[in-house]
N, C-alpha and C. Protein backbone atom coordinates (compact mmCIF):
# COMPACT_ATOMS: atom_id res chain seq x y z
N MET A 1 73.20 -33.83 -87.47
CA MET A 1 72.46 -34.41 -86.38
C MET A 1 73.16 -34.16 -85.05
N ARG A 2 74.49 -34.24 -85.04
CA ARG A 2 75.23 -34.03 -83.79
C ARG A 2 75.02 -32.62 -83.22
N PRO A 3 75.05 -31.55 -84.04
CA PRO A 3 74.81 -30.22 -83.48
C PRO A 3 73.44 -30.13 -82.82
N LEU A 4 72.43 -30.80 -83.39
CA LEU A 4 71.09 -30.78 -82.82
C LEU A 4 71.09 -31.49 -81.46
N LEU A 5 71.74 -32.65 -81.37
CA LEU A 5 71.81 -33.37 -80.10
C LEU A 5 72.55 -32.55 -79.05
N LEU A 6 73.63 -31.91 -79.44
CA LEU A 6 74.38 -31.08 -78.51
C LEU A 6 73.52 -29.93 -78.02
N ALA A 7 72.81 -29.29 -78.91
CA ALA A 7 71.93 -28.17 -78.53
C ALA A 7 70.84 -28.64 -77.58
N LEU A 8 70.22 -29.78 -77.86
CA LEU A 8 69.18 -30.32 -76.98
C LEU A 8 69.73 -30.71 -75.62
N SER A 9 70.92 -31.30 -75.59
CA SER A 9 71.49 -31.70 -74.30
C SER A 9 71.83 -30.49 -73.44
N ILE A 10 72.21 -29.40 -74.05
CA ILE A 10 72.49 -28.17 -73.29
C ILE A 10 71.19 -27.60 -72.73
N LEU A 11 70.11 -27.68 -73.49
CA LEU A 11 68.83 -27.17 -73.03
C LEU A 11 68.30 -27.91 -71.81
N PHE A 12 68.61 -29.18 -71.69
CA PHE A 12 68.04 -29.99 -70.62
C PHE A 12 69.02 -30.30 -69.50
N VAL A 13 70.07 -29.54 -69.37
CA VAL A 13 70.99 -29.71 -68.26
C VAL A 13 70.34 -29.14 -67.01
N PRO A 14 70.26 -29.91 -65.91
CA PRO A 14 69.64 -29.38 -64.70
C PRO A 14 70.40 -28.17 -64.17
N VAL A 15 69.65 -27.21 -63.72
CA VAL A 15 70.24 -25.99 -63.18
C VAL A 15 69.82 -25.90 -61.71
N GLY A 16 70.73 -25.50 -60.83
CA GLY A 16 70.41 -25.36 -59.42
C GLY A 16 69.37 -24.28 -59.19
N VAL A 17 68.57 -24.46 -58.14
CA VAL A 17 67.54 -23.50 -57.79
C VAL A 17 68.16 -22.44 -56.89
N GLU A 18 67.93 -21.19 -57.20
CA GLU A 18 68.43 -20.10 -56.37
C GLU A 18 67.32 -19.54 -55.52
N ALA A 19 67.65 -19.24 -54.28
CA ALA A 19 66.67 -18.66 -53.37
C ALA A 19 66.41 -17.20 -53.74
N VAL A 20 65.16 -16.80 -53.61
CA VAL A 20 64.81 -15.39 -53.73
C VAL A 20 64.50 -14.93 -52.32
N GLY A 21 65.22 -13.94 -51.84
CA GLY A 21 65.07 -13.49 -50.46
C GLY A 21 66.04 -14.23 -49.56
N PRO A 22 65.96 -13.97 -48.25
CA PRO A 22 66.89 -14.62 -47.33
C PRO A 22 66.59 -16.11 -47.18
N VAL A 23 67.64 -16.87 -46.88
CA VAL A 23 67.49 -18.29 -46.57
C VAL A 23 67.40 -18.39 -45.05
N VAL A 24 66.30 -18.99 -44.56
CA VAL A 24 66.03 -19.02 -43.12
C VAL A 24 65.76 -20.45 -42.67
N GLY A 25 65.82 -20.66 -41.36
CA GLY A 25 65.49 -21.95 -40.76
C GLY A 25 64.12 -21.89 -40.12
N ALA A 26 63.81 -22.89 -39.30
CA ALA A 26 62.49 -22.98 -38.67
C ALA A 26 62.23 -21.86 -37.68
N SER A 27 63.27 -21.24 -37.16
CA SER A 27 63.08 -20.20 -36.15
C SER A 27 63.13 -18.79 -36.73
N CYS A 28 62.77 -18.64 -38.00
CA CYS A 28 62.79 -17.30 -38.61
C CYS A 28 61.76 -16.39 -37.98
N THR A 29 61.93 -15.10 -38.11
CA THR A 29 60.98 -14.11 -37.63
C THR A 29 60.66 -13.15 -38.76
N ILE A 30 59.39 -12.85 -38.93
CA ILE A 30 58.97 -11.84 -39.90
C ILE A 30 58.58 -10.61 -39.11
N SER A 31 59.17 -9.48 -39.45
CA SER A 31 58.86 -8.24 -38.72
C SER A 31 58.57 -7.12 -39.71
N TRP A 32 57.95 -6.04 -39.21
CA TRP A 32 57.55 -4.93 -40.07
C TRP A 32 57.46 -3.66 -39.25
N THR A 33 57.28 -2.55 -39.95
CA THR A 33 57.16 -1.23 -39.34
C THR A 33 55.68 -0.94 -39.10
N ALA A 34 55.38 -0.33 -37.96
CA ALA A 34 53.99 -0.01 -37.62
C ALA A 34 53.37 0.92 -38.65
N VAL A 35 52.10 0.67 -38.98
CA VAL A 35 51.34 1.56 -39.84
C VAL A 35 50.71 2.62 -38.94
N THR A 36 50.95 3.90 -39.25
CA THR A 36 50.44 4.98 -38.40
C THR A 36 49.53 5.95 -39.14
N THR A 37 49.46 5.84 -40.46
CA THR A 37 48.63 6.78 -41.23
C THR A 37 47.71 6.04 -42.19
N ASN A 38 46.63 6.70 -42.54
CA ASN A 38 45.71 6.21 -43.56
C ASN A 38 46.26 6.58 -44.93
N THR A 39 45.64 6.08 -45.99
CA THR A 39 46.11 6.36 -47.34
C THR A 39 46.01 7.83 -47.71
N ASP A 40 45.15 8.60 -47.00
CA ASP A 40 45.05 10.04 -47.28
C ASP A 40 46.05 10.87 -46.46
N GLY A 41 46.89 10.17 -45.67
CA GLY A 41 47.90 10.86 -44.87
C GLY A 41 47.46 11.20 -43.45
N SER A 42 46.18 11.03 -43.13
CA SER A 42 45.71 11.32 -41.77
C SER A 42 46.17 10.23 -40.81
N LEU A 43 46.32 10.59 -39.53
CA LEU A 43 46.76 9.64 -38.52
C LEU A 43 45.68 8.61 -38.23
N ILE A 44 46.10 7.37 -38.02
CA ILE A 44 45.16 6.32 -37.61
C ILE A 44 44.88 6.51 -36.13
N THR A 45 43.61 6.55 -35.77
CA THR A 45 43.23 6.75 -34.36
C THR A 45 42.69 5.48 -33.73
N LEU A 46 42.56 4.42 -34.49
CA LEU A 46 42.04 3.15 -33.99
C LEU A 46 43.19 2.16 -33.79
N PRO A 47 42.97 1.14 -32.97
CA PRO A 47 43.99 0.10 -32.85
C PRO A 47 44.23 -0.57 -34.20
N VAL A 48 45.48 -0.92 -34.46
CA VAL A 48 45.85 -1.57 -35.72
C VAL A 48 46.32 -3.00 -35.42
N THR A 49 45.79 -3.95 -36.16
CA THR A 49 46.31 -5.31 -36.12
C THR A 49 46.84 -5.64 -37.51
N TYR A 50 47.54 -6.73 -37.61
CA TYR A 50 48.16 -7.11 -38.87
C TYR A 50 47.82 -8.55 -39.19
N GLU A 51 47.52 -8.81 -40.45
CA GLU A 51 47.28 -10.16 -40.93
C GLU A 51 48.49 -10.59 -41.74
N LEU A 52 48.98 -11.79 -41.44
CA LEU A 52 50.13 -12.34 -42.15
C LEU A 52 49.66 -13.45 -43.06
N TYR A 53 50.04 -13.35 -44.33
CA TYR A 53 49.73 -14.37 -45.33
C TYR A 53 51.05 -14.98 -45.78
N VAL A 54 51.12 -16.29 -45.89
CA VAL A 54 52.31 -16.97 -46.40
C VAL A 54 51.86 -17.93 -47.49
N ALA A 55 52.44 -17.79 -48.67
CA ALA A 55 52.09 -18.63 -49.81
C ALA A 55 53.35 -19.30 -50.36
N PRO A 56 53.24 -20.53 -50.84
CA PRO A 56 54.40 -21.18 -51.44
C PRO A 56 54.75 -20.53 -52.78
N GLY A 57 56.03 -20.58 -53.10
CA GLY A 57 56.49 -20.04 -54.38
C GLY A 57 56.67 -18.54 -54.35
N LEU A 58 56.50 -17.93 -55.51
CA LEU A 58 56.70 -16.50 -55.66
C LEU A 58 55.46 -15.82 -56.24
N PRO A 59 54.30 -15.94 -55.57
CA PRO A 59 53.09 -15.31 -56.10
C PRO A 59 53.16 -13.79 -55.94
N THR A 60 52.36 -13.10 -56.72
CA THR A 60 52.30 -11.63 -56.60
C THR A 60 51.08 -11.19 -55.79
N THR A 61 50.20 -12.13 -55.48
CA THR A 61 49.04 -11.86 -54.64
C THR A 61 48.68 -13.16 -53.93
N VAL A 62 47.76 -13.10 -52.98
CA VAL A 62 47.39 -14.31 -52.24
C VAL A 62 45.90 -14.57 -52.34
N GLY A 63 45.54 -15.82 -52.33
CA GLY A 63 44.15 -16.22 -52.31
C GLY A 63 43.87 -17.10 -51.10
N LEU A 64 44.83 -17.14 -50.20
CA LEU A 64 44.72 -17.98 -49.01
C LEU A 64 44.24 -17.15 -47.83
N PRO A 65 43.64 -17.78 -46.82
CA PRO A 65 43.32 -17.03 -45.61
C PRO A 65 44.62 -16.68 -44.87
N PRO A 66 44.58 -15.65 -44.00
CA PRO A 66 45.80 -15.30 -43.27
C PRO A 66 46.27 -16.44 -42.38
N VAL A 67 47.58 -16.53 -42.22
CA VAL A 67 48.18 -17.53 -41.34
C VAL A 67 47.89 -17.15 -39.90
N LEU A 68 47.97 -15.87 -39.60
CA LEU A 68 47.67 -15.40 -38.25
C LEU A 68 47.41 -13.91 -38.25
N THR A 69 46.81 -13.45 -37.15
CA THR A 69 46.58 -12.02 -36.93
C THR A 69 47.38 -11.64 -35.70
N SER A 70 48.05 -10.48 -35.76
CA SER A 70 48.92 -10.06 -34.66
C SER A 70 48.72 -8.58 -34.37
N ALA A 71 48.79 -8.23 -33.08
CA ALA A 71 48.79 -6.83 -32.70
C ALA A 71 50.22 -6.32 -32.61
N GLY A 72 51.20 -7.22 -32.63
CA GLY A 72 52.61 -6.85 -32.53
C GLY A 72 53.20 -6.55 -33.89
N LEU A 73 54.52 -6.33 -33.89
CA LEU A 73 55.23 -5.96 -35.11
C LEU A 73 56.19 -7.04 -35.59
N SER A 74 56.04 -8.24 -35.05
CA SER A 74 56.84 -9.36 -35.54
C SER A 74 56.17 -10.66 -35.11
N VAL A 75 56.44 -11.70 -35.87
CA VAL A 75 55.92 -13.03 -35.55
C VAL A 75 56.94 -14.08 -35.96
N PRO A 76 57.07 -15.11 -35.13
CA PRO A 76 57.86 -16.26 -35.60
C PRO A 76 56.94 -17.03 -36.53
N ASP A 77 57.40 -17.35 -37.71
CA ASP A 77 56.46 -17.90 -38.68
C ASP A 77 56.90 -19.13 -39.42
N CYS A 78 58.12 -19.54 -39.34
CA CYS A 78 58.58 -20.61 -40.24
C CYS A 78 58.40 -22.01 -39.68
N SER A 79 58.00 -22.15 -38.42
CA SER A 79 57.79 -23.49 -37.90
C SER A 79 56.61 -24.11 -38.64
N GLY A 80 56.75 -25.35 -39.01
CA GLY A 80 55.68 -26.01 -39.75
C GLY A 80 55.82 -25.90 -41.26
N LEU A 81 56.73 -25.07 -41.75
CA LEU A 81 56.94 -24.96 -43.20
C LEU A 81 58.01 -25.96 -43.63
N ALA A 82 57.79 -26.58 -44.77
CA ALA A 82 58.77 -27.50 -45.34
C ALA A 82 59.84 -26.70 -46.08
N ASN A 83 60.91 -27.36 -46.46
CA ASN A 83 61.93 -26.72 -47.27
C ASN A 83 61.29 -26.19 -48.55
N GLY A 84 61.71 -24.99 -48.96
CA GLY A 84 61.20 -24.45 -50.22
C GLY A 84 61.09 -22.95 -50.20
N GLN A 85 60.64 -22.41 -51.32
CA GLN A 85 60.48 -20.97 -51.52
C GLN A 85 59.09 -20.56 -51.07
N TYR A 86 59.00 -19.44 -50.34
CA TYR A 86 57.73 -18.90 -49.86
C TYR A 86 57.72 -17.39 -50.05
N THR A 87 56.54 -16.81 -49.99
CA THR A 87 56.38 -15.37 -50.03
C THR A 87 55.37 -14.98 -48.95
N ALA A 88 55.74 -14.01 -48.13
CA ALA A 88 54.83 -13.49 -47.10
C ALA A 88 54.29 -12.14 -47.56
N PHE A 89 53.07 -11.85 -47.13
CA PHE A 89 52.43 -10.56 -47.36
C PHE A 89 51.80 -10.12 -46.05
N LEU A 90 51.70 -8.83 -45.84
CA LEU A 90 51.05 -8.28 -44.65
C LEU A 90 49.91 -7.37 -45.05
N VAL A 91 48.91 -7.32 -44.19
CA VAL A 91 47.79 -6.40 -44.35
C VAL A 91 47.57 -5.75 -42.99
N ALA A 92 47.44 -4.42 -42.95
CA ALA A 92 47.09 -3.71 -41.72
C ALA A 92 45.57 -3.62 -41.66
N VAL A 93 45.02 -3.77 -40.46
CA VAL A 93 43.57 -3.69 -40.26
C VAL A 93 43.30 -2.69 -39.15
N ALA A 94 42.51 -1.65 -39.45
CA ALA A 94 42.12 -0.64 -38.45
C ALA A 94 40.62 -0.42 -38.55
N GLY A 95 39.91 -0.65 -37.45
CA GLY A 95 38.46 -0.48 -37.47
C GLY A 95 37.77 -1.39 -38.45
N GLY A 96 38.33 -2.58 -38.69
CA GLY A 96 37.73 -3.53 -39.61
C GLY A 96 38.04 -3.27 -41.07
N ILE A 97 38.75 -2.19 -41.36
CA ILE A 97 39.10 -1.85 -42.74
C ILE A 97 40.53 -2.32 -43.02
N LYS A 98 40.69 -3.05 -44.11
CA LYS A 98 41.99 -3.64 -44.45
C LYS A 98 42.75 -2.76 -45.44
N SER A 99 44.06 -2.71 -45.24
CA SER A 99 44.94 -2.02 -46.18
C SER A 99 45.15 -2.91 -47.41
N PRO A 100 45.73 -2.35 -48.45
CA PRO A 100 46.18 -3.21 -49.56
C PRO A 100 47.29 -4.14 -49.05
N LEU A 101 47.60 -5.17 -49.81
CA LEU A 101 48.71 -6.06 -49.48
C LEU A 101 50.02 -5.29 -49.46
N SER A 102 50.90 -5.68 -48.55
CA SER A 102 52.26 -5.13 -48.56
C SER A 102 52.98 -5.63 -49.80
N ALA A 103 54.16 -5.09 -50.01
CA ALA A 103 55.03 -5.65 -51.05
C ALA A 103 55.35 -7.09 -50.67
N PRO A 104 55.60 -7.97 -51.63
CA PRO A 104 55.92 -9.36 -51.30
C PRO A 104 57.24 -9.45 -50.54
N LEU A 105 57.28 -10.39 -49.59
CA LEU A 105 58.48 -10.64 -48.79
C LEU A 105 58.92 -12.08 -49.05
N PRO A 106 59.71 -12.30 -50.11
CA PRO A 106 60.11 -13.68 -50.43
C PRO A 106 61.18 -14.18 -49.48
N PHE A 107 61.14 -15.48 -49.21
CA PHE A 107 62.18 -16.12 -48.39
C PHE A 107 62.23 -17.60 -48.72
N MET A 108 63.35 -18.22 -48.42
CA MET A 108 63.54 -19.65 -48.67
C MET A 108 63.76 -20.34 -47.33
N VAL A 109 62.98 -21.38 -47.06
CA VAL A 109 63.17 -22.17 -45.85
C VAL A 109 64.11 -23.32 -46.19
N GLN A 110 65.16 -23.45 -45.39
CA GLN A 110 66.11 -24.54 -45.57
C GLN A 110 66.34 -25.16 -44.20
N LEU A 111 65.67 -26.26 -43.95
CA LEU A 111 65.78 -26.97 -42.68
C LEU A 111 66.90 -27.99 -42.77
N PRO A 112 67.49 -28.33 -41.62
CA PRO A 112 68.53 -29.37 -41.65
C PRO A 112 67.96 -30.68 -42.17
N LEU A 113 68.73 -31.38 -42.92
CA LEU A 113 68.30 -32.69 -43.41
C LEU A 113 68.42 -33.70 -42.27
N VAL A 114 67.43 -34.55 -42.14
CA VAL A 114 67.41 -35.57 -41.09
C VAL A 114 67.82 -36.89 -41.72
N PRO A 115 68.81 -37.56 -41.12
CA PRO A 115 69.24 -38.84 -41.70
C PRO A 115 68.15 -39.89 -41.54
N THR A 116 68.13 -40.85 -42.43
CA THR A 116 67.18 -41.95 -42.30
C THR A 116 67.60 -42.84 -41.14
N ALA A 117 66.68 -43.65 -40.66
CA ALA A 117 66.96 -44.56 -39.55
C ALA A 117 67.90 -45.67 -40.02
N PRO A 118 68.77 -46.12 -39.14
CA PRO A 118 69.65 -47.23 -39.50
C PRO A 118 68.85 -48.50 -39.82
N THR A 119 69.36 -49.29 -40.70
CA THR A 119 68.73 -50.58 -41.03
C THR A 119 69.77 -51.67 -40.97
N GLY A 120 69.31 -52.89 -41.04
CA GLY A 120 70.24 -54.03 -41.11
C GLY A 120 70.87 -54.36 -39.77
N GLY A 121 70.29 -53.87 -38.68
CA GLY A 121 70.86 -54.18 -37.36
C GLY A 121 70.70 -55.66 -37.03
N VAL A 122 71.67 -56.21 -36.34
CA VAL A 122 71.64 -57.62 -35.97
C VAL A 122 72.08 -57.72 -34.52
N VAL A 123 71.33 -58.52 -33.77
CA VAL A 123 71.72 -58.83 -32.39
C VAL A 123 72.08 -60.31 -32.35
N ARG A 124 73.27 -60.63 -31.81
CA ARG A 124 73.71 -62.05 -31.79
C ARG A 124 73.98 -62.48 -30.39
């Protein structure tokens, strides 16, 4: 019976969570390289915008609407996110036609912990 209890206790020992991707704060920036060609190798002749998707955890695809659309090549994106693991994806859009999703960009948000308010104050 003891070997069984020992084996079960080892199975249920809490393990620390490891971040996948960089650990960032609220002022993180997501940036990328400009898309200049179509999938057939021809040059894009239309303006290109980018859609940024951010999903909690480590998904391989997204079912959420984009967080924002940008004509630039970087966006500050972590404000408003709670502590935890996230994955960003990008889509290029030219002439209303969307590219496939980019490779996943995993990152971990780690914000400073805020102390609780003092209690037990007394004025005499």
